[in-house]
Amino acid sequence: MPHIPVHPSAEKRHRQSLKRAERNRVVRTRARTLAKTAAETIASSSDEAAAKEALKQATKVLYKAISSGTMHRNTVRRKVARLSARLHRKFSKKA
């Protein structure tokens, strides 16, 4: 059975938590989707510019998720590092 607030202040806090949870869900979903899209673009594309642009878009949204408090900074940094490593491995100039 879900928690049912009794006091007016508890009711307000519950409303606020529902709003924040929905906002966080939207931000998190968008960030994950763009990270996945960037990974697919890097893997499938032979165009370095398109892959870099996809990484740039994903990085921008992921770092905004940190600043809004939706995602943890280490999680985002790990995702960005892995995406960047994929990009550099694929498009680095062979010596």
Protein backbone atom coordinates (compact mmCIF):
# COMPACT_ATOMS: atom_id res chain seq x y z
CA MET A 1 0.00 0.00 0.00
CA PRO A 2 1.45 3.38 -0.94
CA HIS A 3 2.24 5.98 1.65
CA ILE A 4 -0.65 8.38 2.19
CA PRO A 5 0.41 11.73 3.66
CA VAL A 6 -1.69 13.06 6.54
CA HIS A 7 -0.44 16.57 7.16
CA PRO A 8 -0.69 19.38 4.61
CA SER A 9 3.09 19.82 4.57
CA ALA A 10 3.54 16.09 3.92
CA GLU A 11 1.00 16.28 1.09
CA LYS A 12 2.93 19.13 -0.48
CA ARG A 13 6.25 17.30 -0.13
CA HIS A 14 4.67 14.27 -1.79
CA ARG A 15 3.42 16.39 -4.72
CA GLN A 16 6.87 17.93 -5.07
CA SER A 17 8.58 14.55 -5.01
CA LEU A 18 6.29 13.26 -7.77
CA LYS A 19 7.04 16.31 -9.94
CA ARG A 20 10.79 15.96 -9.39
CA ALA A 21 10.71 12.23 -10.07
CA GLU A 22 8.96 12.82 -13.39
CA ARG A 23 11.40 15.58 -14.37
CA ASN A 24 14.38 13.39 -13.42
CA ARG A 25 12.94 10.47 -15.41
CA VAL A 26 12.69 12.64 -18.53
CA VAL A 27 16.24 13.95 -18.18
CA ARG A 28 17.68 10.50 -17.46
CA THR A 29 15.86 8.91 -20.39
CA ARG A 30 17.04 11.60 -22.80
CA ALA A 31 20.64 11.30 -21.58
CA ARG A 32 20.66 7.51 -21.91
CA THR A 33 19.06 7.65 -25.34
CA LEU A 34 21.61 10.13 -26.66
CA ALA A 35 24.48 8.11 -25.17
CA LYS A 36 23.16 4.98 -26.88
CA THR A 37 22.69 6.86 -30.16
CA ALA A 38 26.24 8.19 -29.95
CA ALA A 39 27.60 4.68 -29.34
CA GLU A 40 25.68 3.33 -32.33
CA THR A 41 26.81 6.21 -34.52
CA ILE A 42 30.44 5.70 -33.55
CA ALA A 43 30.19 1.97 -34.19
CA SER A 44 28.35 2.09 -37.50
CA SER A 45 29.45 5.35 -39.11
CA SER A 46 32.56 5.77 -41.21
CA ASP A 47 32.08 9.54 -41.00
CA GLU A 48 34.26 10.93 -38.23
CA ALA A 49 32.47 14.30 -38.19
CA ALA A 50 29.07 12.67 -37.60
CA ALA A 51 30.48 10.52 -34.80
CA LYS A 52 32.10 13.54 -33.13
CA GLU A 53 28.85 15.51 -33.39
CA ALA A 54 26.89 12.64 -31.81
CA LEU A 55 29.43 12.45 -28.98
CA LYS A 56 29.25 16.22 -28.49
CA GLN A 57 25.44 16.15 -28.22
CA ALA A 58 25.48 13.22 -25.80
CA THR A 59 28.18 14.84 -23.66
CA LYS A 60 26.26 18.09 -23.45
CA VAL A 61 23.06 16.41 -22.25
CA LEU A 62 24.91 14.10 -19.85
CA TYR A 63 26.73 16.99 -18.19
CA LYS A 64 23.44 18.89 -17.85
CA ALA A 65 22.08 15.85 -16.04
CA ILE A 66 24.90 16.23 -13.52
CA SER A 67 24.15 19.89 -12.93
CA SER A 68 20.45 19.23 -12.38
CA GLY A 69 21.33 16.53 -9.85
CA THR A 70 19.64 13.80 -11.87
CA MET A 71 22.69 11.65 -12.52
CA HIS A 72 25.81 11.12 -10.45
CA ARG A 73 28.94 12.83 -11.75
CA ASN A 74 31.06 9.67 -11.73
CA THR A 75 28.45 7.75 -13.73
CA VAL A 76 28.34 10.46 -16.37
CA ARG A 77 32.11 10.83 -16.51
CA ARG A 78 32.47 7.07 -16.95
CA LYS A 79 29.95 7.06 -19.82
CA VAL A 80 31.63 10.00 -21.55
CA ALA A 81 35.08 8.45 -21.11
CA ARG A 82 33.94 5.16 -22.63
CA LEU A 83 32.27 6.88 -25.57
CA SER A 84 35.35 9.03 -26.17
CA ALA A 85 37.60 5.97 -26.01
CA ARG A 86 35.45 4.23 -28.62
CA LEU A 87 35.63 7.26 -30.87
CA HIS A 88 39.41 7.59 -30.53
CA ARG A 89 40.01 3.88 -31.05
CA LYS A 90 38.00 3.88 -34.24
CA PHE A 91 39.23 7.10 -35.81
CA SER A 92 42.78 7.46 -34.48
CA LYS A 93 45.43 7.77 -37.15
CA LYS A 94 47.46 4.59 -37.33
CA ALA A 95 51.22 5.22 -37.10
